[in-house]
Amino acid sequence: MKQIAAIIALFFLMPALAFSQGIGGKAGIGGKAGIGGGASSGTSIIANYGGTVQSQTDNGDDNHAEATPFVTGSTTPTFDGKCHVWTSGSVSHIRGCALYPDNGSHVPDGSSPICSMTVTSSPSNGWNTYQMTGCPSTLSASTLYWIAYGSADPENIGTSGVNNFCPGTPSNGTTPNLYTVQGNVTLGSWPTFPSTGAAYGGNGCYSIYVQLTYASSATYNIISINPGQCDTSAATCPTAITPTTANHGLLVIASSDTSSGNVVSVEATTNGSNTDALSKLGACATASSPTEQWCFYWIDRVTAGDNGVTCTFTNSGGSYKVGCVSVEIAGTAASSSFDKVEYDSAYALSAAAFTSGNTATTTQATELLIGYAFEAQGMIQGSVGTFGAGGSWTMIDNGASAGNSPTGFGLFIQTVTSTGAYNLSGSYTPSGSMDVLPGLATFK
């Protein structure tokens, strides 16, 4: 029987987004209304999709095939045909990856993979990259796929939690959101996944992902959005991120139920070693009854090649989860780019619509605004709701793909072209029992 080790964290990378100037523009990933400071030369934006962190292992994965879901953005991405999977084991054996379409019921369509590969060798302990054959050069936009890995001999595959949700998955109790086929797997003729997920289904992500590339002609680009969520058995929340690129800024939002610890610090890391200490912007958003806190952290130019972020909390022994969400941004000033910040100190109580307080007047006409709204119960308990943008804001992340918000936040963006005092407005449904704590920061 397969056994899962103690849960440490859940992390998954979300689609990148890009924006260009112009009212009603349709630039970049996600097809959001265009915003920014003017067009520039083309930019390639890389985003990782699927389970991107190994925080525990699923043991005894011989003669099994595991699949993790992902949803593409609303513009067509190019695909390099590679799968990335975390495994441990030392015996040379046959194993491989396959890309599947969905069968329309949130189950891998096992009638035939879109593309696949097999190899016979000893795997490296850790992340392994495999080149599949027969893959299309592009994937369809706004489409659910499954990336699968199979092994014919004893081998352990990484997972990133069993009590949370993968990107793009439904978050109700009737449809599982990961699948394992148990029994004999003849690799090369890949297994048929059960139409109802009866072999195995649960809440979590196998550590298998793909990398997609999108084209952008925008000045401001959201290079990657990396939501992380951790249990509070540890005071640190390490989150894997898409490796950073030179000349980009990095924004991190750390959030917690303060009975589980206040926010202390944020570090960017390379292979687990600290490289950049991010600066806290302002005094943090804090509310009581219940007690919640979140803070913006920022660095003008992150070290190229950083592949992780660690949020640290005081950890007073509470049982609730903490969050560590990072956003890599291209186009902000090389130094002193942070301008203003506004945190609310009270909830928008039980209301479908929310509005934060106003920032102080911005310094220059054209600035990039990033808004964040924290719905505590969504992160703590996995409650599901849907955020929406208000006014001129564009929502760039809702905690998970497919409109779900199990990680309890909404992330918003706007570019302004005149100085002023600005606020974050939006909505959250269902209303009546959920409390939202909003705020925003502005950048030159």
Protein backbone atom coordinates (compact mmCIF):
# COMPACT_ATOMS: atom_id res chain seq x y z
CA MET A 1 0.00 0.00 0.00
CA LYS A 2 1.23 3.49 -0.79
CA GLN A 3 2.09 5.63 2.18
CA ILE A 4 2.55 9.37 2.34
CA ALA A 5 5.03 11.06 4.65
CA ALA A 6 4.23 14.01 6.91
CA ILE A 7 2.98 17.09 5.11
CA ILE A 8 5.28 20.07 5.07
CA ALA A 9 3.95 22.39 2.38
CA LEU A 10 1.93 22.91 -0.76
CA PHE A 11 3.29 24.95 -3.62
CA PHE A 12 2.44 25.30 -7.26
CA LEU A 13 3.41 27.76 -9.94
CA MET A 14 0.70 29.65 -11.72
CA PRO A 15 0.55 30.95 -15.31
CA ALA A 16 2.58 34.05 -16.07
CA LEU A 17 0.83 37.14 -17.38
CA ALA A 18 1.82 40.02 -19.60
CA PHE A 19 0.26 43.38 -20.29
CA SER A 20 0.61 46.13 -22.88
CA GLN A 21 -0.65 49.67 -23.03
CA GLY A 22 -4.05 50.49 -24.43
CA ILE A 23 -7.65 50.41 -23.32
CA GLY A 24 -9.22 47.03 -23.83
CA GLY A 25 -5.97 45.55 -25.15
CA LYS A 26 -5.62 41.78 -25.29
CA ALA A 27 -1.96 41.18 -24.64
CA GLY A 28 -0.16 38.23 -23.19
CA ILE A 29 -1.21 35.28 -21.13
CA GLY A 30 -4.69 35.14 -19.75
CA GLY A 31 -6.10 37.56 -22.32
CA LYS A 32 -6.50 40.28 -19.69
CA ALA A 33 -7.24 43.89 -20.59
CA GLY A 34 -3.97 45.52 -21.54
CA ILE A 35 -2.12 47.73 -19.07
CA GLY A 36 1.39 49.09 -18.94
CA GLY A 37 3.65 51.93 -19.90
CA GLY A 38 4.00 51.40 -23.64
CA ALA A 39 5.10 48.75 -26.09
CA SER A 40 8.60 47.33 -26.24
CA SER A 41 10.38 44.63 -28.19
CA GLY A 42 9.05 41.11 -27.87
CA THR A 43 9.57 39.19 -24.66
CA SER A 44 9.38 35.45 -24.03
CA ILE A 45 7.65 34.60 -20.79
CA ILE A 46 8.23 31.16 -19.29
CA ALA A 47 5.75 29.58 -16.91
CA ASN A 48 5.78 26.22 -15.12
CA TYR A 49 2.53 24.24 -14.89
CA GLY A 50 1.70 21.34 -12.57
CA GLY A 51 3.31 20.17 -9.34
CA THR A 52 6.56 22.10 -9.00
CA VAL A 53 7.71 21.30 -5.47
CA GLN A 54 8.60 18.12 -3.63
CA SER A 55 7.73 18.48 0.03
CA GLN A 56 7.20 14.78 0.79
CA THR A 57 7.36 11.41 -0.97
CA ASP A 58 4.80 8.85 -2.07
CA ASN A 59 6.40 5.48 -1.43
CA GLY A 60 6.27 2.22 -3.36
CA ASP A 61 5.44 3.60 -6.78
CA ASP A 62 6.23 0.50 -8.82
CA ASN A 63 3.85 -0.45 -11.62
CA HIS A 64 1.98 2.79 -11.16
CA ALA A 65 1.25 5.81 -13.28
CA GLU A 66 0.57 9.17 -11.61
CA ALA A 67 -0.88 12.27 -13.26
CA THR A 68 -1.00 15.95 -12.27
CA PRO A 69 -3.36 18.45 -13.98
CA PHE A 70 -2.67 21.92 -15.37
CA VAL A 71 -4.64 24.54 -17.32
CA THR A 72 -3.02 26.65 -20.04
CA GLY A 73 -3.52 30.41 -20.34
CA SER A 74 -5.92 31.91 -22.87
CA THR A 75 -3.24 32.55 -25.50
CA THR A 76 -1.44 29.73 -27.29
CA PRO A 77 1.81 28.63 -25.59
CA THR A 78 4.76 26.87 -27.18
CA PHE A 79 5.83 23.58 -25.62
CA ASP A 80 9.31 22.08 -25.50
CA GLY A 81 8.03 18.51 -25.03
CA LYS A 82 9.82 17.98 -21.72
CA CYS A 83 8.46 16.68 -18.44
CA HIS A 84 10.08 17.39 -15.07
CA VAL A 85 9.54 14.92 -12.22
CA TRP A 86 10.93 14.45 -8.71
CA THR A 87 11.83 10.83 -7.89
CA SER A 88 14.10 8.85 -5.60
CA GLY A 89 15.49 5.38 -6.20
CA SER A 90 18.67 3.64 -7.29
CA VAL A 91 17.60 0.61 -9.37
CA SER A 92 17.92 0.78 -13.15
CA HIS A 93 14.48 0.17 -14.64
CA ILE A 94 12.04 1.36 -17.28
CA ARG A 95 10.10 4.53 -16.56
CA GLY A 96 8.66 7.40 -18.54
CA CYS A 97 6.39 10.44 -18.98
CA ALA A 98 3.26 11.05 -21.01
CA LEU A 99 1.02 14.05 -21.73
CA TYR A 100 -2.74 13.36 -21.74
CA PRO A 101 -5.81 15.38 -22.67
CA ASP A 102 -8.73 15.55 -20.27
CA ASN A 103 -11.73 13.31 -20.93
CA GLY A 104 -14.20 16.12 -20.20
CA SER A 105 -14.87 14.95 -16.64
CA HIS A 106 -11.63 16.00 -15.02
CA VAL A 107 -9.93 12.66 -15.62
CA PRO A 108 -6.95 11.91 -17.90
CA ASP A 109 -8.11 10.51 -21.23
CA GLY A 110 -6.05 7.34 -21.27
CA SER A 111 -7.11 6.13 -24.71
CA SER A 112 -3.81 7.45 -26.05
CA PRO A 113 -1.29 9.98 -24.79
CA ILE A 114 -0.59 13.09 -26.85
CA CYS A 115 3.12 12.32 -26.57
CA SER A 116 5.35 10.20 -24.35
CA MET A 117 8.77 8.68 -23.72
CA THR A 118 10.36 5.76 -21.90
CA VAL A 119 13.91 5.15 -20.75
CA THR A 120 15.76 2.37 -18.93
CA SER A 121 18.36 3.70 -16.48
CA SER A 122 18.85 4.63 -12.84
CA PRO A 123 17.05 7.89 -11.94
CA SER A 124 18.78 10.72 -10.14
CA ASN A 125 17.51 11.38 -6.65
CA GLY A 126 15.72 14.68 -7.06
CA TRP A 127 14.42 16.45 -10.15
CA ASN A 128 14.77 14.63 -13.46
CA THR A 129 14.00 16.05 -16.91
CA TYR A 130 12.85 13.83 -19.77
CA GLN A 131 12.32 14.68 -23.44
CA MET A 132 9.08 13.23 -24.76
CA THR A 133 8.66 12.40 -28.44
CA GLY A 134 5.81 13.23 -30.77
CA CYS A 135 4.74 16.33 -28.82
CA PRO A 136 3.09 19.26 -30.63
CA SER A 137 5.09 22.49 -30.68
CA THR A 138 2.13 24.35 -29.20
CA LEU A 139 -0.66 23.43 -26.79
CA SER A 140 -4.23 24.69 -26.98
CA ALA A 141 -5.16 27.78 -25.00
CA SER A 142 -7.45 27.58 -21.94
CA THR A 143 -7.26 23.80 -21.93
CA LEU A 144 -6.91 21.22 -19.17
CA TYR A 145 -4.09 18.69 -19.64
CA TRP A 146 -2.51 15.98 -17.47
CA ILE A 147 1.21 15.27 -17.21
CA ALA A 148 1.87 11.69 -16.06
CA TYR A 149 4.85 9.66 -14.88
CA GLY A 150 5.10 5.87 -14.66
CA SER A 151 7.62 3.44 -13.22
CA ALA A 152 7.89 -0.32 -13.63
CA ASP A 153 10.03 -0.96 -10.51
CA PRO A 154 10.12 0.36 -6.93
CA GLU A 155 10.57 4.10 -6.97
CA ASN A 156 9.32 7.03 -4.89
CA ILE A 157 7.69 10.04 -6.51
CA GLY A 158 7.53 13.47 -4.90
CA THR A 159 4.27 15.08 -3.83
CA SER A 160 3.38 18.52 -2.57
CA GLY A 161 0.60 17.82 -0.10
CA VAL A 162 -2.52 15.71 0.22
CA ASN A 163 -4.86 18.18 1.90
CA ASN A 164 -4.85 20.90 -0.75
CA PHE A 165 -5.55 21.33 -4.45
CA CYS A 166 -3.56 21.31 -7.66
CA PRO A 167 -3.95 24.22 -10.08
CA GLY A 168 -6.94 23.82 -12.37
CA THR A 169 -8.76 21.26 -10.29
CA PRO A 170 -12.29 21.27 -8.94
CA SER A 171 -12.47 21.80 -5.21
CA ASN A 172 -15.45 19.78 -4.17
CA GLY A 173 -15.58 16.45 -2.39
CA THR A 174 -17.00 14.44 -5.28
CA THR A 175 -14.25 14.71 -7.89
CA PRO A 176 -10.68 13.77 -6.97
CA ASN A 177 -7.95 15.98 -8.33
CA LEU A 178 -5.07 13.60 -8.85
CA TYR A 179 -5.06 10.07 -10.13
CA THR A 180 -2.95 6.94 -9.71
CA VAL A 181 -3.35 3.77 -11.72
CA GLN A 182 -2.36 0.82 -9.54
CA GLY A 183 -1.28 -2.50 -11.02
CA ASN A 184 0.82 -3.53 -13.98
CA VAL A 185 1.98 -0.72 -16.23
CA THR A 186 3.53 -1.69 -19.55
CA LEU A 187 5.34 1.51 -20.39
CA GLY A 188 5.26 2.45 -24.02
CA SER A 189 1.62 1.41 -24.25
CA TRP A 190 0.54 3.60 -21.31
CA PRO A 191 -2.35 2.64 -19.05
CA THR A 192 -5.98 3.63 -19.36
CA PHE A 193 -6.98 5.83 -16.48
CA PRO A 194 -10.28 4.92 -14.81
CA SER A 195 -13.12 7.10 -16.06
CA THR A 196 -14.19 7.94 -12.50
CA GLY A 197 -10.80 8.08 -10.83
CA ALA A 198 -11.72 4.97 -8.84
CA ALA A 199 -8.19 3.57 -8.65
CA TYR A 200 -6.99 6.46 -6.56
CA GLY A 201 -7.96 10.07 -6.14
CA GLY A 202 -7.09 12.62 -3.54
CA ASN A 203 -6.25 16.20 -2.69
CA GLY A 204 -2.72 17.12 -3.62
CA CYS A 205 -0.19 17.35 -6.44
CA TYR A 206 2.40 14.89 -7.67
CA SER A 207 5.74 16.59 -8.31
CA ILE A 208 5.47 16.55 -12.11
CA TYR A 209 5.36 19.67 -14.26
CA VAL A 210 5.85 21.07 -17.77
CA GLN A 211 7.27 24.40 -18.93
CA LEU A 212 5.40 26.57 -21.43
CA THR A 213 6.49 29.77 -23.20
CA TYR A 214 4.31 32.73 -24.16
CA ALA A 215 5.15 35.76 -26.31
CA SER A 216 4.61 39.35 -25.12
CA SER A 217 5.20 42.81 -26.58
CA ALA A 218 4.53 44.61 -23.29
CA THR A 219 6.64 46.93 -21.16
CA TYR A 220 5.40 45.56 -17.84
CA ASN A 221 5.43 41.80 -17.64
CA ILE A 222 4.41 39.56 -14.79
CA ILE A 223 7.04 36.90 -15.40
CA SER A 224 5.78 34.34 -12.90
CA ILE A 225 3.26 34.02 -10.07
CA ASN A 226 4.18 31.41 -7.48
CA PRO A 227 1.63 30.74 -4.72
CA GLY A 228 2.95 28.84 -1.71
CA GLN A 229 1.08 27.53 1.30
CA CYS A 230 2.59 25.77 4.32
CA ASP A 231 1.43 24.03 7.43
CA THR A 232 2.67 25.67 10.62
CA SER A 233 4.64 22.73 11.97
CA ALA A 234 7.68 24.77 10.88
CA ALA A 235 8.39 28.49 11.19
CA THR A 236 9.61 28.76 7.60
CA CYS A 237 7.66 28.40 4.38
CA PRO A 238 10.03 27.62 1.47
CA THR A 239 8.40 28.08 -1.95
CA ALA A 240 9.84 26.98 -5.29
CA ILE A 241 9.68 29.61 -8.01
CA THR A 242 10.49 29.76 -11.69
CA PRO A 243 14.23 30.61 -11.85
CA THR A 244 14.52 34.39 -11.87
CA THR A 245 15.98 36.50 -14.66
CA ALA A 246 18.41 39.43 -14.42
CA ASN A 247 17.01 42.98 -14.22
CA HIS A 248 13.67 41.94 -12.73
CA GLY A 249 11.99 42.94 -9.47
CA LEU A 250 10.56 40.40 -7.03
CA LEU A 251 7.47 40.97 -4.87
CA VAL A 252 6.53 38.52 -2.12
CA ILE A 253 3.33 38.56 -0.03
CA ALA A 254 3.61 36.66 3.28
CA SER A 255 0.37 35.95 5.16
CA SER A 256 -0.69 34.10 8.29
CA ASP A 257 -3.23 33.64 11.00
CA THR A 258 -1.32 35.42 13.75
CA SER A 259 -2.09 32.70 16.29
CA SER A 260 0.31 30.70 14.11
CA GLY A 261 2.93 33.44 14.00
CA ASN A 262 3.58 36.94 12.73
CA VAL A 263 5.57 37.57 9.55
CA VAL A 264 9.30 37.99 10.29
CA SER A 265 11.29 38.06 7.04
CA VAL A 266 11.48 37.00 3.38
CA GLU A 267 14.56 35.69 1.56
CA ALA A 268 15.07 34.71 -2.07
CA THR A 269 17.15 31.54 -2.41
CA THR A 270 19.17 29.50 -4.88
CA ASN A 271 19.03 25.77 -4.17
CA GLY A 272 18.05 26.51 -0.58
CA SER A 273 20.82 29.05 0.14
CA ASN A 274 19.81 32.65 0.87
CA THR A 275 20.83 35.13 -1.82
CA ASP A 276 18.57 38.19 -1.43
CA ALA A 277 16.91 39.68 1.64
CA LEU A 278 13.70 41.42 0.61
CA SER A 279 12.58 44.65 2.31
CA LYS A 280 9.22 44.92 4.05
CA LEU A 281 6.99 47.63 2.62
CA GLY A 282 5.25 49.46 5.44
CA ALA A 283 3.81 48.04 8.65
CA CYS A 284 1.75 45.08 7.28
CA ALA A 285 -2.00 44.54 7.12
CA THR A 286 -3.22 43.27 10.49
CA ALA A 287 -6.71 42.55 11.76
CA SER A 288 -8.22 41.00 14.87
CA SER A 289 -11.18 38.72 15.58
CA PRO A 290 -9.96 36.64 13.87
CA THR A 291 -6.31 37.66 13.97
CA GLU A 292 -4.73 37.79 10.51
CA GLN A 293 -1.66 39.45 9.01
CA TRP A 294 -0.06 39.86 5.60
CA CYS A 295 2.89 41.95 4.36
CA PHE A 296 4.45 43.06 1.05
CA TYR A 297 8.19 42.39 0.63
CA TRP A 298 10.19 43.71 -2.35
CA ILE A 299 13.59 43.84 -4.01
CA ASP A 300 14.33 46.08 -7.03
CA ARG A 301 16.62 43.58 -8.73
CA VAL A 302 16.54 39.94 -7.72
CA THR A 303 19.59 37.73 -8.28
CA ALA A 304 19.35 35.88 -11.58
CA GLY A 305 18.78 32.16 -11.12
CA ASP A 306 17.04 32.29 -7.75
CA ASN A 307 14.69 29.31 -7.64
CA GLY A 308 13.07 29.69 -4.25
CA VAL A 309 11.60 32.07 -1.69
CA THR A 310 11.46 31.47 2.07
CA CYS A 311 8.92 33.29 4.24
CA THR A 312 9.69 33.14 7.96
CA PHE A 313 7.13 33.47 10.76
CA THR A 314 7.40 33.61 14.56
CA ASN A 315 5.29 30.41 14.75
CA SER A 316 3.61 30.48 18.12
CA GLY A 317 2.37 26.93 17.73
CA GLY A 318 -0.98 27.56 16.08
CA SER A 319 -2.55 24.99 13.80
CA TYR A 320 -3.40 27.22 10.84
CA LYS A 321 -1.58 27.56 7.53
CA VAL A 322 0.68 30.36 6.31
CA GLY A 323 1.09 31.72 2.78
CA CYS A 324 4.11 32.82 0.73
CA VAL A 325 3.18 34.21 -2.71
CA SER A 326 5.86 35.60 -5.04
CA VAL A 327 5.55 37.66 -8.23
CA GLU A 328 8.49 38.32 -10.58
CA ILE A 329 8.04 41.60 -12.46
CA ALA A 330 9.85 43.10 -15.48
CA GLY A 331 9.70 46.81 -16.28
CA THR A 332 9.96 48.52 -12.87
CA ALA A 333 12.78 50.99 -12.11
CA ALA A 334 16.23 49.55 -11.39
CA SER A 335 16.42 51.30 -8.00
CA SER A 336 14.02 52.96 -5.54
CA SER A 337 11.08 51.62 -7.55
CA PHE A 338 8.74 51.22 -4.56
CA ASP A 339 6.59 54.31 -4.00
CA LYS A 340 3.46 53.96 -1.80
CA VAL A 341 1.67 51.28 0.19
CA GLU A 342 -1.74 51.01 1.84
CA TYR A 343 -2.79 48.22 4.21
CA ASP A 344 -6.22 47.91 5.74
CA SER A 345 -6.42 47.26 9.48
CA ALA A 346 -10.02 46.04 9.44
CA TYR A 347 -11.91 43.44 7.43
CA ALA A 348 -14.41 44.20 4.72
CA LEU A 349 -16.85 42.26 6.86
CA SER A 350 -19.24 39.82 5.21
CA ALA A 351 -19.51 41.84 2.01
CA ALA A 352 -19.40 40.72 -1.60
CA ALA A 353 -17.70 44.01 -2.59
CA PHE A 354 -14.64 45.41 -0.85
CA THR A 355 -12.58 48.62 -1.11
CA SER A 356 -9.29 49.32 0.63
CA GLY A 357 -8.19 52.63 2.04
CA ASN A 358 -6.32 55.09 -0.19
CA THR A 359 -2.56 55.34 -0.66
CA ALA A 360 -0.80 58.64 -0.24
CA THR A 361 -0.50 60.55 -3.52
CA THR A 362 1.84 58.76 -5.91
CA THR A 363 5.14 60.37 -6.88
CA GLN A 364 5.03 60.12 -10.66
CA ALA A 365 2.33 59.88 -13.32
CA THR A 366 2.93 56.36 -14.63
CA GLU A 367 3.12 53.71 -11.94
CA LEU A 368 2.38 50.03 -11.58
CA LEU A 369 -0.17 49.14 -8.87
CA ILE A 370 -0.27 45.69 -7.28
CA GLY A 371 -3.26 44.83 -5.09
CA TYR A 372 -3.72 41.87 -2.74
CA ALA A 373 -6.81 40.69 -0.89
CA PHE A 374 -6.51 38.02 1.81
CA GLU A 375 -9.48 35.76 2.56
CA ALA A 376 -8.29 34.03 5.70
CA GLN A 377 -10.66 31.08 5.79
CA GLY A 378 -9.76 30.16 2.21
CA MET A 379 -6.12 29.67 3.16
CA ILE A 380 -6.71 28.24 6.62
CA GLN A 381 -9.53 25.83 5.88
CA GLY A 382 -9.49 25.42 2.11
CA SER A 383 -12.83 27.22 1.73
CA VAL A 384 -13.66 27.99 -1.87
CA GLY A 385 -14.70 31.36 -3.20
CA THR A 386 -14.18 33.53 -6.25
CA PHE A 387 -12.49 36.91 -6.31
CA GLY A 388 -13.33 39.54 -8.90
CA ALA A 389 -11.68 42.82 -9.90
CA GLY A 390 -13.35 46.19 -9.43
CA GLY A 391 -12.91 49.49 -11.23
CA SER A 392 -9.84 49.56 -13.48
CA TRP A 393 -8.16 46.62 -11.77
CA THR A 394 -7.33 43.34 -13.54
CA MET A 395 -7.18 40.15 -11.50
CA ILE A 396 -4.04 38.19 -12.35
CA ASP A 397 -4.40 35.34 -9.88
CA ASN A 398 -7.16 33.89 -7.75
CA GLY A 399 -5.19 31.39 -5.67
CA ALA A 400 -5.64 28.58 -8.20
CA SER A 401 -6.59 28.05 -11.82
CA ALA A 402 -10.14 27.54 -13.05
CA GLY A 403 -11.62 30.25 -10.82
CA ASN A 404 -11.09 28.50 -7.48
CA SER A 405 -9.35 30.09 -4.50
CA PRO A 406 -8.31 27.39 -2.06
CA THR A 407 -5.23 29.38 -1.08
CA GLY A 408 -7.35 32.30 0.06
CA PHE A 409 -6.16 35.33 -1.91
CA GLY A 410 -6.81 37.54 -4.90
CA LEU A 411 -3.94 39.27 -6.74
CA PHE A 412 -4.66 42.34 -8.88
CA ILE A 413 -2.78 44.74 -11.16
CA GLN A 414 -3.33 48.16 -12.69
CA THR A 415 -1.20 50.81 -14.42
CA VAL A 416 -2.07 54.45 -13.82
CA THR A 417 -0.98 57.44 -15.90
CA SER A 418 -1.56 60.30 -13.48
CA THR A 419 -0.57 60.99 -9.90
CA GLY A 420 -3.22 60.37 -7.28
CA ALA A 421 -4.34 58.47 -4.19
CA TYR A 422 -5.41 54.96 -5.18
CA ASN A 423 -7.33 52.09 -3.58
CA LEU A 424 -8.03 48.44 -4.34
CA SER A 425 -11.61 47.49 -5.14
CA GLY A 426 -13.01 44.08 -5.91
CA SER A 427 -15.51 41.41 -4.96
CA TYR A 428 -15.57 38.03 -3.27
CA THR A 429 -18.32 35.43 -3.43
CA PRO A 430 -19.90 33.75 -1.61
CA SER A 431 -20.44 36.62 0.81
CA GLY A 432 -22.05 36.52 4.22
CA SER A 433 -19.44 34.56 6.16
CA MET A 434 -16.11 35.38 4.54
CA ASP A 435 -13.94 38.34 5.57
CA VAL A 436 -11.51 40.00 3.14
CA LEU A 437 -8.44 42.05 4.14
CA PRO A 438 -7.24 44.17 1.15
CA GLY A 439 -4.27 46.45 0.40
CA LEU A 440 -1.99 47.66 -2.41
CA ALA A 441 1.50 48.92 -3.27
CA THR A 442 2.67 51.17 -6.10
CA PHE A 443 5.91 51.00 -8.08
CA LYS A 444 7.74 53.37 -10.43
